Amino acid sequence: MSAMKILMITGDFVEDYENMVPFQALIACGHQVDAVCPGKQRGDTIATCIHDFEGDQTYSEKRGHNFVLNADFAGLDAADYDALYLPGGRAPEYLRLNPQVLELIRAFFSANKAVASICHGPQLLTAADVIRGKQVSAYPACEPEIRMAGADYVSLEMDQAITDGKLVTAPAWPAHPQLLQQFMALL
């Protein structure tokens, strides 16, 4: 597999594992991963959070690490990248309000490039209106909006992922091995 250039759109209170693990794993496999956040520049940090499944009706949330961005959001062009990765956590709920983020996502889909998204990351896909007719997994709380966006929500175990065309999705960080394996198969 030749080295690919991957864009990661992330932000404050992204899920720590869903940001850090794929970022490091893809780099370890020889790919270039540019982690960006609207309103921030290379060298700035974002705050992460850790979501855990501790037997409650939903996940718990704890403060995670500071993650250093390695590229600038300003001036991005999807044509400069081979693939897109969208982590989950709380960041997607506000990133989806940014028109530039949505335009970037649409550009990746229009060019039929590989896209991976996990947990609440598919909230960005629903806002960009790019999943109509696709099979999509996400954290179960995202099911209603995925269905309203015209996609077929696929309920998976937390350690599973699904590929539909050039899109790979998964419900949460325990699915990293499956998500990354399927994403790298598309690269």
C-alpha atoms as a PDB file:
ATOM      1  CA  MET A   1       0.000   0.000   0.000  1.00  0.00           C
ATOM      2  CA  SER A   2       1.456   3.363  -0.975  1.00  0.00           C
ATOM      3  CA  ALA A   3       1.380   6.268   1.443  1.00  0.00           C
ATOM      4  CA  MET A   4      -1.819   8.278   1.369  1.00  0.00           C
ATOM      5  CA  LYS A   5      -2.574  11.797   2.537  1.00  0.00           C
ATOM      6  CA  ILE A   6      -5.498  11.746   4.984  1.00  0.00           C
ATOM      7  CA  LEU A   7      -7.414  14.702   6.387  1.00  0.00           C
ATOM      8  CA  MET A   8      -8.760  14.443   9.937  1.00  0.00           C
ATOM      9  CA  ILE A   9     -11.312  17.084  10.914  1.00  0.00           C
ATOM     10  CA  THR A  10     -11.423  17.267  14.685  1.00  0.00           C
ATOM     11  CA  GLY A  11     -12.208  19.696  17.487  1.00  0.00           C
ATOM     12  CA  ASP A  12     -12.490  20.379  21.178  1.00  0.00           C
ATOM     13  CA  PHE A  13     -13.926  17.488  23.169  1.00  0.00           C
ATOM     14  CA  VAL A  14     -13.446  14.963  20.435  1.00  0.00           C
ATOM     15  CA  GLU A  15     -13.352  11.450  21.870  1.00  0.00           C
ATOM     16  CA  ASP A  16      -9.706  10.951  22.861  1.00  0.00           C
ATOM     17  CA  TYR A  17      -9.288   7.361  21.621  1.00  0.00           C
ATOM     18  CA  GLU A  18     -11.198   8.022  18.396  1.00  0.00           C
ATOM     19  CA  ASN A  19      -8.844  10.890  17.649  1.00  0.00           C
ATOM     20  CA  MET A  20      -5.485   9.651  18.909  1.00  0.00           C
ATOM     21  CA  VAL A  21      -5.545   5.939  18.054  1.00  0.00           C
ATOM     22  CA  PRO A  22      -6.396   6.299  14.336  1.00  0.00           C
ATOM     23  CA  PHE A  23      -4.104   9.335  14.023  1.00  0.00           C
ATOM     24  CA  GLN A  24      -1.139   7.368  15.364  1.00  0.00           C
ATOM     25  CA  ALA A  25      -2.049   4.070  13.669  1.00  0.00           C
ATOM     26  CA  LEU A  26      -2.381   5.623  10.220  1.00  0.00           C
ATOM     27  CA  ILE A  27       0.927   7.461  10.635  1.00  0.00           C
ATOM     28  CA  ALA A  28       2.571   4.231  11.841  1.00  0.00           C
ATOM     29  CA  CYS A  29       1.381   2.583   8.617  1.00  0.00           C
ATOM     30  CA  GLY A  30       3.208   5.254   6.617  1.00  0.00           C
ATOM     31  CA  HIS A  31       0.354   7.627   5.818  1.00  0.00           C
ATOM     32  CA  GLN A  32       0.371  11.396   6.289  1.00  0.00           C
ATOM     33  CA  VAL A  33      -2.477  12.527   8.543  1.00  0.00           C
ATOM     34  CA  ASP A  34      -3.274  16.232   8.753  1.00  0.00           C
ATOM     35  CA  ALA A  35      -5.342  16.928  11.890  1.00  0.00           C
ATOM     36  CA  VAL A  36      -7.199  20.233  11.599  1.00  0.00           C
ATOM     37  CA  CYS A  37      -9.834  22.213  13.478  1.00  0.00           C
ATOM     38  CA  PRO A  38     -11.784  25.262  12.319  1.00  0.00           C
ATOM     39  CA  GLY A  39     -10.646  28.400  14.102  1.00  0.00           C
ATOM     40  CA  LYS A  40      -7.343  26.848  15.136  1.00  0.00           C
ATOM     41  CA  GLN A  41      -3.908  26.597  13.560  1.00  0.00           C
ATOM     42  CA  ARG A  42      -1.032  24.150  13.414  1.00  0.00           C
ATOM     43  CA  GLY A  43       0.502  23.923  16.885  1.00  0.00           C
ATOM     44  CA  ASP A  44      -2.723  24.821  18.691  1.00  0.00           C
ATOM     45  CA  THR A  45      -4.261  22.193  20.940  1.00  0.00           C
ATOM     46  CA  ILE A  46      -7.724  20.779  21.267  1.00  0.00           C
ATOM     47  CA  ALA A  47      -9.115  19.306  24.464  1.00  0.00           C
ATOM     48  CA  THR A  48     -10.219  15.694  24.224  1.00  0.00           C
ATOM     49  CA  CYS A  49     -12.598  13.678  26.358  1.00  0.00           C
ATOM     50  CA  ILE A  50     -12.778  10.006  27.216  1.00  0.00           C
ATOM     51  CA  HIS A  51     -16.086   8.212  26.929  1.00  0.00           C
ATOM     52  CA  ASP A  52     -16.433   4.919  28.717  1.00  0.00           C
ATOM     53  CA  PHE A  53     -19.080   2.268  29.079  1.00  0.00           C
ATOM     54  CA  GLU A  54     -19.463   1.677  32.816  1.00  0.00           C
ATOM     55  CA  GLY A  55     -22.875   0.033  33.076  1.00  0.00           C
ATOM     56  CA  ASP A  56     -24.977   3.190  33.043  1.00  0.00           C
ATOM     57  CA  GLN A  57     -27.705   3.926  30.508  1.00  0.00           C
ATOM     58  CA  THR A  58     -25.233   5.977  28.483  1.00  0.00           C
ATOM     59  CA  TYR A  59     -21.487   6.512  28.420  1.00  0.00           C
ATOM     60  CA  SER A  60     -19.616   8.523  31.030  1.00  0.00           C
ATOM     61  CA  GLU A  61     -17.340  11.409  30.051  1.00  0.00           C
ATOM     62  CA  LYS A  62     -14.004  12.438  31.535  1.00  0.00           C
ATOM     63  CA  ARG A  63     -11.432  15.023  30.457  1.00  0.00           C
ATOM     64  CA  GLY A  64      -8.813  13.541  28.179  1.00  0.00           C
ATOM     65  CA  HIS A  65      -5.497  14.740  26.817  1.00  0.00           C
ATOM     66  CA  ASN A  66      -4.538  17.866  24.939  1.00  0.00           C
ATOM     67  CA  PHE A  67      -3.986  16.991  21.275  1.00  0.00           C
ATOM     68  CA  VAL A  68      -1.697  19.158  19.141  1.00  0.00           C
ATOM     69  CA  LEU A  69      -2.993  19.967  15.666  1.00  0.00           C
ATOM     70  CA  ASN A  70      -0.401  19.425  12.954  1.00  0.00           C
ATOM     71  CA  ALA A  71      -1.996  21.404  10.083  1.00  0.00           C
ATOM     72  CA  ASP A  72      -4.059  24.535   9.438  1.00  0.00           C
ATOM     73  CA  PHE A  73      -7.770  24.450   8.639  1.00  0.00           C
ATOM     74  CA  ALA A  74      -7.637  27.681   6.647  1.00  0.00           C
ATOM     75  CA  GLY A  75      -7.097  27.142   2.928  1.00  0.00           C
ATOM     76  CA  LEU A  76      -7.803  23.405   2.880  1.00  0.00           C
ATOM     77  CA  ASP A  77      -8.681  21.777  -0.424  1.00  0.00           C
ATOM     78  CA  ALA A  78     -10.132  18.252  -0.501  1.00  0.00           C
ATOM     79  CA  ALA A  79      -8.352  17.727  -3.832  1.00  0.00           C
ATOM     80  CA  ASP A  80      -5.054  17.660  -1.895  1.00  0.00           C
ATOM     81  CA  TYR A  81      -6.121  14.556   0.071  1.00  0.00           C
ATOM     82  CA  ASP A  82      -6.788  10.896  -0.661  1.00  0.00           C
ATOM     83  CA  ALA A  83      -9.140  10.212   2.258  1.00  0.00           C
ATOM     84  CA  LEU A  84     -11.058  11.729   5.170  1.00  0.00           C
ATOM     85  CA  TYR A  85     -11.349  10.588   8.783  1.00  0.00           C
ATOM     86  CA  LEU A  86     -14.044  11.997  11.127  1.00  0.00           C
ATOM     87  CA  PRO A  87     -13.755  11.052  14.814  1.00  0.00           C
ATOM     88  CA  GLY A  88     -16.619  11.234  17.291  1.00  0.00           C
ATOM     89  CA  GLY A  89     -17.174  12.583  20.755  1.00  0.00           C
ATOM     90  CA  ARG A  90     -18.836  15.945  21.257  1.00  0.00           C
ATOM     91  CA  ALA A  91     -16.899  17.856  18.577  1.00  0.00           C
ATOM     92  CA  PRO A  92     -19.169  16.802  15.668  1.00  0.00           C
ATOM     93  CA  GLU A  93     -22.207  18.459  17.256  1.00  0.00           C
ATOM     94  CA  TYR A  94     -20.681  21.915  16.718  1.00  0.00           C
ATOM     95  CA  LEU A  95     -18.373  21.176  13.765  1.00  0.00           C
ATOM     96  CA  ARG A  96     -21.478  20.332  11.716  1.00  0.00           C
ATOM     97  CA  LEU A  97     -22.557  23.956  12.051  1.00  0.00           C
ATOM     98  CA  ASN A  98     -19.502  25.123  10.075  1.00  0.00           C
ATOM     99  CA  PRO A  99     -20.287  25.520   6.339  1.00  0.00           C
ATOM    100  CA  GLN A 100     -16.624  25.029   5.349  1.00  0.00           C
ATOM    101  CA  VAL A 101     -16.497  21.688   7.158  1.00  0.00           C
ATOM    102  CA  LEU A 102     -19.643  20.537   5.359  1.00  0.00           C
ATOM    103  CA  GLU A 103     -18.288  21.670   1.971  1.00  0.00           C
ATOM    104  CA  LEU A 104     -15.069  19.721   2.565  1.00  0.00           C
ATOM    105  CA  ILE A 105     -17.036  16.588   3.436  1.00  0.00           C
ATOM    106  CA  ARG A 106     -19.204  16.966   0.327  1.00  0.00           C
ATOM    107  CA  ALA A 107     -16.076  17.353  -1.803  1.00  0.00           C
ATOM    108  CA  PHE A 108     -14.675  14.029  -0.551  1.00  0.00           C
ATOM    109  CA  PHE A 109     -17.944  12.270  -1.370  1.00  0.00           C
ATOM    110  CA  SER A 110     -18.249  13.966  -4.774  1.00  0.00           C
ATOM    111  CA  ALA A 111     -14.745  12.760  -5.642  1.00  0.00           C
ATOM    112  CA  ASN A 112     -15.587   9.229  -4.387  1.00  0.00           C
ATOM    113  CA  LYS A 113     -12.708   9.236  -1.910  1.00  0.00           C
ATOM    114  CA  ALA A 114     -12.474   6.957   1.122  1.00  0.00           C
ATOM    115  CA  VAL A 115     -14.156   8.313   4.270  1.00  0.00           C
ATOM    116  CA  ALA A 116     -14.178   6.796   7.767  1.00  0.00           C
ATOM    117  CA  SER A 117     -16.318   8.032  10.627  1.00  0.00           C
ATOM    118  CA  ILE A 118     -16.952   6.682  14.091  1.00  0.00           C
ATOM    119  CA  CYS A 119     -19.338   7.191  17.022  1.00  0.00           C
ATOM    120  CA  HIS A 120     -20.893  10.691  16.755  1.00  0.00           C
ATOM    121  CA  GLY A 121     -18.751  11.512  13.698  1.00  0.00           C
ATOM    122  CA  PRO A 122     -21.624  10.555  11.364  1.00  0.00           C
ATOM    123  CA  GLN A 123     -23.447  13.646  12.661  1.00  0.00           C
ATOM    124  CA  LEU A 124     -21.155  15.497  10.262  1.00  0.00           C
ATOM    125  CA  LEU A 125     -22.252  13.198   7.434  1.00  0.00           C
ATOM    126  CA  THR A 126     -25.938  13.782   8.148  1.00  0.00           C
ATOM    127  CA  ALA A 127     -25.446  17.568   8.202  1.00  0.00           C
ATOM    128  CA  ALA A 128     -23.511  17.404   4.916  1.00  0.00           C
ATOM    129  CA  ASP A 129     -26.359  15.354   3.387  1.00  0.00           C
ATOM    130  CA  VAL A 130     -24.024  12.722   1.915  1.00  0.00           C
ATOM    131  CA  ILE A 131     -25.348   9.425   3.297  1.00  0.00           C
ATOM    132  CA  ARG A 132     -28.732   9.107   1.640  1.00  0.00           C
ATOM    133  CA  GLY A 133     -29.227   5.446   0.641  1.00  0.00           C
ATOM    134  CA  LYS A 134     -26.100   4.212   2.440  1.00  0.00           C
ATOM    135  CA  GLN A 135     -25.696   1.711   5.259  1.00  0.00           C
ATOM    136  CA  VAL A 136     -24.254   3.630   8.203  1.00  0.00           C
ATOM    137  CA  SER A 137     -23.389   2.739  11.768  1.00  0.00           C
ATOM    138  CA  ALA A 138     -22.752   5.186  14.605  1.00  0.00           C
ATOM    139  CA  TYR A 139     -23.231   5.469  18.322  1.00  0.00           C
ATOM    140  CA  PRO A 140     -26.848   4.319  18.905  1.00  0.00           C
ATOM    141  CA  ALA A 141     -27.969   7.799  20.027  1.00  0.00           C
ATOM    142  CA  CYS A 142     -27.324   8.984  16.448  1.00  0.00           C
ATOM    143  CA  GLU A 143     -29.759   6.494  14.890  1.00  0.00           C
ATOM    144  CA  PRO A 144     -32.707   8.928  14.530  1.00  0.00           C
ATOM    145  CA  GLU A 145     -30.737  11.568  12.637  1.00  0.00           C
ATOM    146  CA  ILE A 146     -29.050   8.968  10.428  1.00  0.00           C
ATOM    147  CA  ARG A 147     -32.472   7.645   9.440  1.00  0.00           C
ATOM    148  CA  MET A 148     -33.801  11.193   8.911  1.00  0.00           C
ATOM    149  CA  ALA A 149     -30.821  11.809   6.594  1.00  0.00           C
ATOM    150  CA  GLY A 150     -32.070   8.973   4.390  1.00  0.00           C
ATOM    151  CA  ALA A 151     -29.525   6.338   5.379  1.00  0.00           C
ATOM    152  CA  ASP A 152     -30.097   2.808   6.647  1.00  0.00           C
ATOM    153  CA  TYR A 153     -28.853   2.774  10.253  1.00  0.00           C
ATOM    154  CA  VAL A 154     -26.997  -0.472  10.962  1.00  0.00           C
ATOM    155  CA  SER A 155     -26.909  -1.530  14.596  1.00  0.00           C
ATOM    156  CA  LEU A 156     -23.562  -3.204  15.279  1.00  0.00           C
ATOM    157  CA  GLU A 157     -21.763  -4.506  18.319  1.00  0.00           C
ATOM    158  CA  MET A 158     -19.421  -1.831  19.704  1.00  0.00           C
ATOM    159  CA  ASP A 159     -16.401  -3.655  18.269  1.00  0.00           C
ATOM    160  CA  GLN A 160     -17.686  -3.926  14.676  1.00  0.00           C
ATOM    161  CA  ALA A 161     -17.580  -1.675  11.613  1.00  0.00           C
ATOM    162  CA  ILE A 162     -19.328  -1.621   8.249  1.00  0.00           C
ATOM    163  CA  THR A 163     -18.230  -0.540   4.778  1.00  0.00           C
ATOM    164  CA  ASP A 164     -20.648   0.761   2.156  1.00  0.00           C
ATOM    165  CA  GLY A 165     -18.811   1.741  -1.008  1.00  0.00           C
ATOM    166  CA  LYS A 166     -16.064   4.164   0.042  1.00  0.00           C
ATOM    167  CA  LEU A 167     -17.585   4.844   3.486  1.00  0.00           C
ATOM    168  CA  VAL A 168     -16.576   3.012   6.666  1.00  0.00           C
ATOM    169  CA  THR A 169     -18.502   3.643   9.909  1.00  0.00           C
ATOM    170  CA  ALA A 170     -18.539   2.178  13.401  1.00  0.00           C
ATOM    171  CA  PRO A 171     -20.367   2.764  16.703  1.00  0.00           C
ATOM    172  CA  ALA A 172     -17.477   3.481  19.089  1.00  0.00           C
ATOM    173  CA  TRP A 173     -13.753   3.189  19.815  1.00  0.00           C
ATOM    174  CA  PRO A 174     -13.801  -0.553  20.603  1.00  0.00           C
ATOM    175  CA  ALA A 175     -14.275  -0.966  16.821  1.00  0.00           C
ATOM    176  CA  HIS A 176     -10.894   0.568  15.954  1.00  0.00           C
ATOM    177  CA  PRO A 177      -9.370  -2.706  14.702  1.00  0.00           C
ATOM    178  CA  GLN A 178     -12.299  -3.306  12.325  1.00  0.00           C
ATOM    179  CA  LEU A 179     -12.709   0.343  11.320  1.00  0.00           C
ATOM    180  CA  LEU A 180      -9.024   0.844  10.565  1.00  0.00           C
ATOM    181  CA  GLN A 181      -8.711  -2.480   8.753  1.00  0.00           C
ATOM    182  CA  GLN A 182     -11.667  -1.657   6.510  1.00  0.00           C
ATOM    183  CA  PHE A 183     -10.559   1.967   5.992  1.00  0.00           C
ATOM    184  CA  MET A 184      -7.022   0.935   5.037  1.00  0.00           C
ATOM    185  CA  ALA A 185      -8.428  -1.602   2.575  1.00  0.00           C
ATOM    186  CA  LEU A 186     -10.034   1.362   0.762  1.00  0.00           C
ATOM    187  CA  LEU A 187      -6.843   3.425   0.680  1.00  0.00           C
END
